[in-house]
Structure formats: structure tokens, C-alpha cells
Amino acid sequence: MKPKVLILHASGTNRDQEAAWAIDLAGGQPEVVHINQLRRRFKALAMYQMLVVAGGFSYGDALGAGRRLALNLTLDLADDLTAFMAAGKPILGICNGFQALVKANLLPEPHTRIPSQTVTLTHNQRQHFECRWVTLLPNYDSPSIFLRDLTEPIYCPVAHGEGRFVADPDFPENLVTLRYAGSNYPANPNGSSDNIAAICNESGTILGLMPHPEDHIVSWQHPRWTRGEQGNLGLPLFTAGVRYAAQVG
């Protein structure tokens, strides 16, 4: 049986269909579920083997990027999420989803098991929205289960105004999962500390990243595919997540 994957939708989410396609190609069974269906118990998180918190502008970023969605996660779904994580089921947060996971204190570690860390996602260093393609380098010393099928860098777009990752200088190296391929603009489009583009939790089952791997899952999505350029897909992240979900679910 294909593992069931919940693609979380809230008002303003705009990357759920792309995430669902990526999960489908990766061998999973995606279902886009509005958060109100979970809050009102029409759907249950326990029904699924994997969770994807998709990108976009949930609630119009009215309280700051991802903050309102983070309140849903911590207030409305706290018990369900705690059980989901305790079962070892994988969680992937992309762009606005990454922001929500950080603001909900689910990354870098649930319930601040790294209490000395100051971690946030804030306004880009250049103070404007960035929409461009970037190269992401994997850190294979990371415990992230999402890297298990990744054999090369990922080339995919970013699209955010509050994507600069800020952390204490002693942020654990093993929790860094992906880095931008350069320290200067535009390789590092937002000025993130230590070029960090993605982080995971200590067990490696939760991954958050600002770029959009779901926007480069087939060769013809490469911006220069007509010139013969290909490879560096984001699909392996989803494949690894789905495979792991099938094992633990």
C-alpha cells in the first residue's frame, strides 16, 4: 500500500498541488487537507503516515510569515502532532511551512531540547522579495532521513521575503541539512547564517527548508532544459520521505 501523505492547506497556501504531485511521483498517496478539517475533526492526522506543510502565504502572513499557522499547530493540533512525531512519522515543511515549523518550535527540536539556541526566519538581508533559482548542497553528516536518496546537489527556486535563517554561531552542524552553494548574493539569496537553507531535528524525521524542491521534480521544469541542462532534481527528497513513511507507518 502506498503511504498516505497529508498535504496541509490553509488560507493563502499556494504550493499544495505541486507538493501533492511530488508525493505522487515519489510513490505516495497525497491528499490535500484544509487545516479546518483537522480542527473540526473531519479528518485525523493519525490517518496519515507523512505530513507536508506546503509553501505560500498562509493567512496572508498577517502576523508575520508562518506565525498564524504556527498557532494552529501549537494550539489546535498539539496533541495530534505530539503523537505523530512520537510515532516517528516524517514531516516536511517547505518555505512558509518551514517558517511555521520554526515559529511553532517544532524545529530545530520540539519543546526546545536545545534551549540555548536562538533560531528564527526573518526578512531577507536585501529587504525585498527574492524569486530565483539556487543550488543546494547536502550535508551528509546530517541524520535527516530525507537525504537518503540524494546523490547530487538540488537546483530549485526560492520565492520568499522572510527567508533569512538566523541562528547562534554554535548551531549544531549535524542539524544543518542543506546549504546554499555560496556565501554571497545571489547564491545565498537571503543572507542566511552560514548559508543554511534547511535544518532537521535530532532524529532526522523533521525537515524544514526555504527553497522549493517541489518545483523541480521533472527534467522539463529546469529553466534551461531546452538547452540540454538537466539533473539536480528535488524529487529525491520526497522519495526518501515516502519510503521512510512506508516503513514506520
Protein backbone atom coordinates (compact mmCIF):
# COMPACT_ATOMS: atom_id res chain seq x y z
CA MET A 1 0.00 0.00 0.00
CA LYS A 2 1.20 3.49 -0.79
CA PRO A 3 1.68 5.56 2.38
CA LYS A 4 -0.93 8.26 2.84
CA VAL A 5 0.57 11.74 2.93
CA LEU A 6 -1.32 14.75 4.26
CA ILE A 7 -0.59 17.98 2.38
CA LEU A 8 -1.65 20.70 4.81
CA HIS A 9 -3.61 23.61 3.34
CA ALA A 10 -4.56 26.89 5.00
CA SER A 11 -5.95 30.08 3.55
CA GLY A 12 -3.14 31.53 1.44
CA THR A 13 -1.27 28.27 0.86
CA ASN A 14 -0.35 28.10 -2.84
CA ARG A 15 2.10 25.21 -3.25
CA ASP A 16 -0.07 22.32 -2.09
CA GLN A 17 -0.80 20.96 -5.57
CA GLU A 18 2.88 21.00 -6.52
CA ALA A 19 3.71 19.17 -3.29
CA ALA A 20 0.97 16.64 -3.98
CA TRP A 21 2.37 15.95 -7.46
CA ALA A 22 5.85 15.44 -5.98
CA ILE A 23 4.48 12.97 -3.43
CA ASP A 24 2.58 11.12 -6.17
CA LEU A 25 5.72 10.80 -8.32
CA ALA A 26 7.64 9.68 -5.22
CA GLY A 27 5.25 6.75 -4.73
CA GLY A 28 2.99 8.18 -2.03
CA GLN A 29 -0.75 8.76 -1.84
CA PRO A 30 -1.21 12.51 -1.34
CA GLU A 31 -4.31 14.21 0.00
CA VAL A 32 -4.65 17.97 0.32
CA VAL A 33 -6.45 18.67 3.61
CA HIS A 34 -7.54 22.09 4.86
CA ILE A 35 -6.49 22.73 8.43
CA ASN A 36 -10.10 23.38 9.41
CA GLN A 37 -10.90 19.76 8.55
CA LEU A 38 -8.37 18.72 11.19
CA ARG A 39 -9.50 21.31 13.73
CA ARG A 40 -13.13 20.20 13.39
CA ARG A 41 -12.17 16.51 13.43
CA PHE A 42 -13.49 15.75 9.96
CA LYS A 43 -10.01 14.37 9.31
CA ALA A 44 -7.41 12.99 11.74
CA LEU A 45 -3.65 13.38 11.45
CA ALA A 46 -3.28 9.81 12.74
CA MET A 47 -4.80 8.56 9.45
CA TYR A 48 -1.62 9.53 7.59
CA GLN A 49 1.97 8.30 7.52
CA MET A 50 3.63 11.59 6.49
CA LEU A 51 2.88 15.31 6.78
CA VAL A 52 3.88 18.05 4.32
CA VAL A 53 3.35 21.67 5.37
CA ALA A 54 3.35 23.37 1.99
CA GLY A 55 4.52 26.82 0.96
CA GLY A 56 2.65 30.02 0.22
CA PHE A 57 1.39 32.88 2.33
CA SER A 58 -0.80 31.26 4.98
CA TYR A 59 -3.30 33.75 6.38
CA GLY A 60 -1.65 36.42 4.26
CA ASP A 61 1.36 36.46 6.60
CA ALA A 62 -0.74 38.95 8.59
CA LEU A 63 1.15 38.34 11.85
CA GLY A 64 4.44 37.59 10.10
CA ALA A 65 5.35 34.70 7.84
CA GLY A 66 4.04 31.41 9.23
CA ARG A 67 3.08 32.78 12.66
CA ARG A 68 -0.68 32.32 12.38
CA LEU A 69 -0.28 28.80 11.01
CA ALA A 70 2.15 28.06 13.84
CA LEU A 71 -0.59 28.96 16.32
CA ASN A 72 -2.86 26.38 14.68
CA LEU A 73 -0.16 23.77 15.05
CA THR A 74 0.63 24.55 18.68
CA LEU A 75 -2.88 25.28 19.97
CA ASP A 76 -5.30 23.27 17.83
CA LEU A 77 -3.18 20.28 16.80
CA ALA A 78 -0.65 20.00 19.63
CA ASP A 79 -1.73 16.56 20.89
CA ASP A 80 -2.11 15.14 17.37
CA LEU A 81 1.31 16.42 16.34
CA THR A 82 2.94 15.10 19.51
CA ALA A 83 1.57 11.62 18.79
CA PHE A 84 2.54 11.89 15.12
CA MET A 85 6.14 12.79 15.99
CA ALA A 86 6.34 10.18 18.75
CA ALA A 87 5.47 7.55 16.14
CA GLY A 88 8.48 8.67 14.12
CA LYS A 89 6.42 9.72 11.11
CA PRO A 90 8.23 12.17 8.79
CA ILE A 91 7.32 15.84 8.50
CA LEU A 92 8.43 18.15 5.68
CA GLY A 93 7.96 21.92 5.86
CA ILE A 94 8.64 23.94 2.71
CA CYS A 95 9.03 27.75 2.66
CA ASN A 96 6.01 29.01 4.60
CA GLY A 97 5.78 25.53 6.07
CA PHE A 98 9.37 25.83 7.31
CA GLN A 99 8.54 29.20 8.85
CA ALA A 100 5.52 27.68 10.60
CA LEU A 101 7.54 24.76 11.98
CA VAL A 102 10.17 27.11 13.39
CA LYS A 103 7.59 29.51 14.87
CA ALA A 104 5.75 26.52 16.37
CA ASN A 105 9.00 25.38 17.99
CA LEU A 106 8.96 22.06 16.13
CA LEU A 107 12.36 22.87 14.64
CA PRO A 108 15.20 22.61 15.41
CA GLU A 109 13.84 20.41 18.17
CA PRO A 110 10.35 20.01 19.65
CA HIS A 111 9.89 21.62 23.04
CA THR A 112 13.31 23.35 22.83
CA ARG A 113 15.54 20.47 23.75
CA ILE A 114 18.22 22.91 22.56
CA PRO A 115 17.13 25.72 24.89
CA SER A 116 20.15 27.95 24.36
CA GLN A 117 19.55 28.29 20.65
CA THR A 118 18.15 31.42 19.11
CA VAL A 119 16.69 30.35 15.77
CA THR A 120 14.35 32.27 13.53
CA LEU A 121 13.47 33.11 9.94
CA THR A 122 13.30 36.80 9.25
CA HIS A 123 13.34 39.41 6.47
CA ASN A 124 15.79 38.91 3.64
CA GLN A 125 19.02 40.84 4.04
CA ARG A 126 18.26 42.97 0.99
CA GLN A 127 14.79 43.76 2.31
CA HIS A 128 12.88 42.61 -0.75
CA PHE A 129 11.18 39.50 -2.10
CA GLU A 130 13.52 37.00 -3.77
CA CYS A 131 12.42 34.79 -6.66
CA ARG A 132 15.35 32.99 -8.29
CA TRP A 133 16.89 29.55 -8.78
CA VAL A 134 19.55 28.38 -6.33
CA THR A 135 21.83 25.40 -5.82
CA LEU A 136 21.59 23.47 -2.55
CA LEU A 137 24.46 21.37 -1.20
CA PRO A 138 23.56 18.40 1.05
CA ASN A 139 25.26 17.81 4.38
CA TYR A 140 25.58 14.04 4.52
CA ASP A 141 26.62 14.20 8.18
CA SER A 142 23.03 15.21 8.92
CA PRO A 143 20.74 12.49 10.31
CA SER A 144 17.92 13.64 8.02
CA ILE A 145 16.03 10.72 6.52
CA PHE A 146 15.17 12.97 3.56
CA LEU A 147 18.76 12.88 2.26
CA ARG A 148 18.90 9.09 1.88
CA ASP A 149 18.16 9.11 -1.86
CA LEU A 150 20.04 12.33 -2.65
CA THR A 151 23.24 11.78 -4.65
CA GLU A 152 23.80 15.28 -6.03
CA PRO A 153 23.00 18.93 -5.24
CA ILE A 154 19.47 20.21 -5.74
CA TYR A 155 18.71 23.04 -8.16
CA CYS A 156 15.36 24.69 -7.43
CA PRO A 157 13.76 28.12 -6.95
CA VAL A 158 13.25 30.26 -3.89
CA ALA A 159 10.26 32.59 -3.52
CA HIS A 160 10.17 34.41 -0.20
CA GLY A 161 10.54 37.72 1.58
CA GLU A 162 11.28 36.34 5.06
CA GLY A 163 13.68 33.52 4.36
CA ARG A 164 16.85 34.56 6.14
CA PHE A 165 17.76 31.87 8.63
CA VAL A 166 19.37 33.30 11.77
CA ALA A 167 20.95 31.14 14.46
CA ASP A 168 23.59 31.32 17.15
CA PRO A 169 27.13 30.75 15.83
CA ASP A 170 27.28 27.40 17.67
CA PHE A 171 24.18 25.98 15.97
CA PRO A 172 24.78 22.19 15.74
CA GLU A 173 26.41 21.31 12.43
CA ASN A 174 24.66 17.95 12.22
CA LEU A 175 21.25 19.68 12.19
CA VAL A 176 22.17 21.60 9.04
CA THR A 177 20.75 19.57 6.16
CA LEU A 178 21.19 21.76 3.08
CA ARG A 179 23.27 24.87 2.39
CA TYR A 180 23.19 27.45 -0.37
CA ALA A 181 26.13 26.87 -2.70
CA GLY A 182 27.75 30.23 -1.96
CA SER A 183 28.03 32.81 0.79
CA ASN A 184 27.45 35.86 -1.40
CA TYR A 185 24.33 37.17 -3.11
CA PRO A 186 22.66 35.78 -5.20
CA ALA A 187 23.94 32.27 -4.41
CA ASN A 188 22.74 32.89 -0.85
CA PRO A 189 19.65 34.90 -1.78
CA ASN A 190 18.54 35.99 1.68
CA GLY A 191 21.73 36.29 3.74
CA SER A 192 21.11 33.22 5.90
CA SER A 193 23.63 32.48 8.63
CA ASP A 194 26.35 30.08 7.49
CA ASN A 195 24.47 29.71 4.15
CA ILE A 196 21.88 27.49 5.85
CA ALA A 197 18.91 26.63 3.64
CA ALA A 198 17.46 23.67 5.57
CA ILE A 199 17.62 22.13 9.02
CA CYS A 200 16.33 18.97 10.67
CA ASN A 201 15.61 17.73 14.16
CA GLU A 202 17.95 15.43 16.06
CA SER A 203 16.24 12.24 14.91
CA GLY A 204 16.18 13.43 11.30
CA THR A 205 12.45 12.89 10.80
CA ILE A 206 11.51 16.58 10.51
CA LEU A 207 12.95 18.72 7.72
CA GLY A 208 12.36 22.38 7.01
CA LEU A 209 13.72 24.28 4.03
CA MET A 210 13.06 27.64 2.38
CA PRO A 211 13.63 26.70 -1.32
CA HIS A 212 11.00 24.80 -3.31
CA PRO A 213 12.19 21.29 -4.34
CA GLU A 214 8.63 20.52 -5.47
CA ASP A 215 9.13 22.99 -8.33
CA HIS A 216 11.87 20.87 -9.92
CA ILE A 217 10.78 17.23 -9.90
CA VAL A 218 10.89 16.50 -13.65
CA SER A 219 13.56 17.43 -16.18
CA TRP A 220 11.48 19.87 -18.22
CA GLN A 221 10.99 22.15 -15.21
CA HIS A 222 14.66 23.13 -15.39
CA PRO A 223 14.76 26.75 -16.65
CA ARG A 224 17.33 25.79 -19.32
CA TRP A 225 16.04 22.36 -20.25
CA THR A 226 15.68 23.35 -23.92
CA ARG A 227 19.44 23.91 -23.91
CA GLY A 228 20.02 20.39 -22.67
CA GLU A 229 20.57 21.14 -18.99
CA GLN A 230 19.06 18.63 -16.62
CA GLY A 231 19.56 16.85 -13.31
CA ASN A 232 19.76 18.16 -9.76
CA LEU A 233 16.10 17.38 -9.13
CA GLY A 234 14.32 17.90 -5.82
CA LEU A 235 12.31 14.68 -6.20
CA PRO A 236 14.76 12.51 -4.17
CA LEU A 237 13.79 14.41 -1.00
CA PHE A 238 10.19 13.30 -1.47
CA THR A 239 11.14 9.76 -2.50
CA ALA A 240 13.17 9.29 0.68
CA GLY A 241 10.40 10.71 2.82
CA VAL A 242 7.74 8.50 1.27
CA ARG A 243 9.90 5.39 1.56
CA TYR A 244 10.57 6.10 5.21
CA ALA A 245 6.87 6.76 5.84
CA ALA A 246 6.04 3.37 4.38
CA GLN A 247 8.42 1.72 6.87
CA VAL A 248 7.20 3.47 10.01
CA GLY A 249 3.53 3.88 9.14
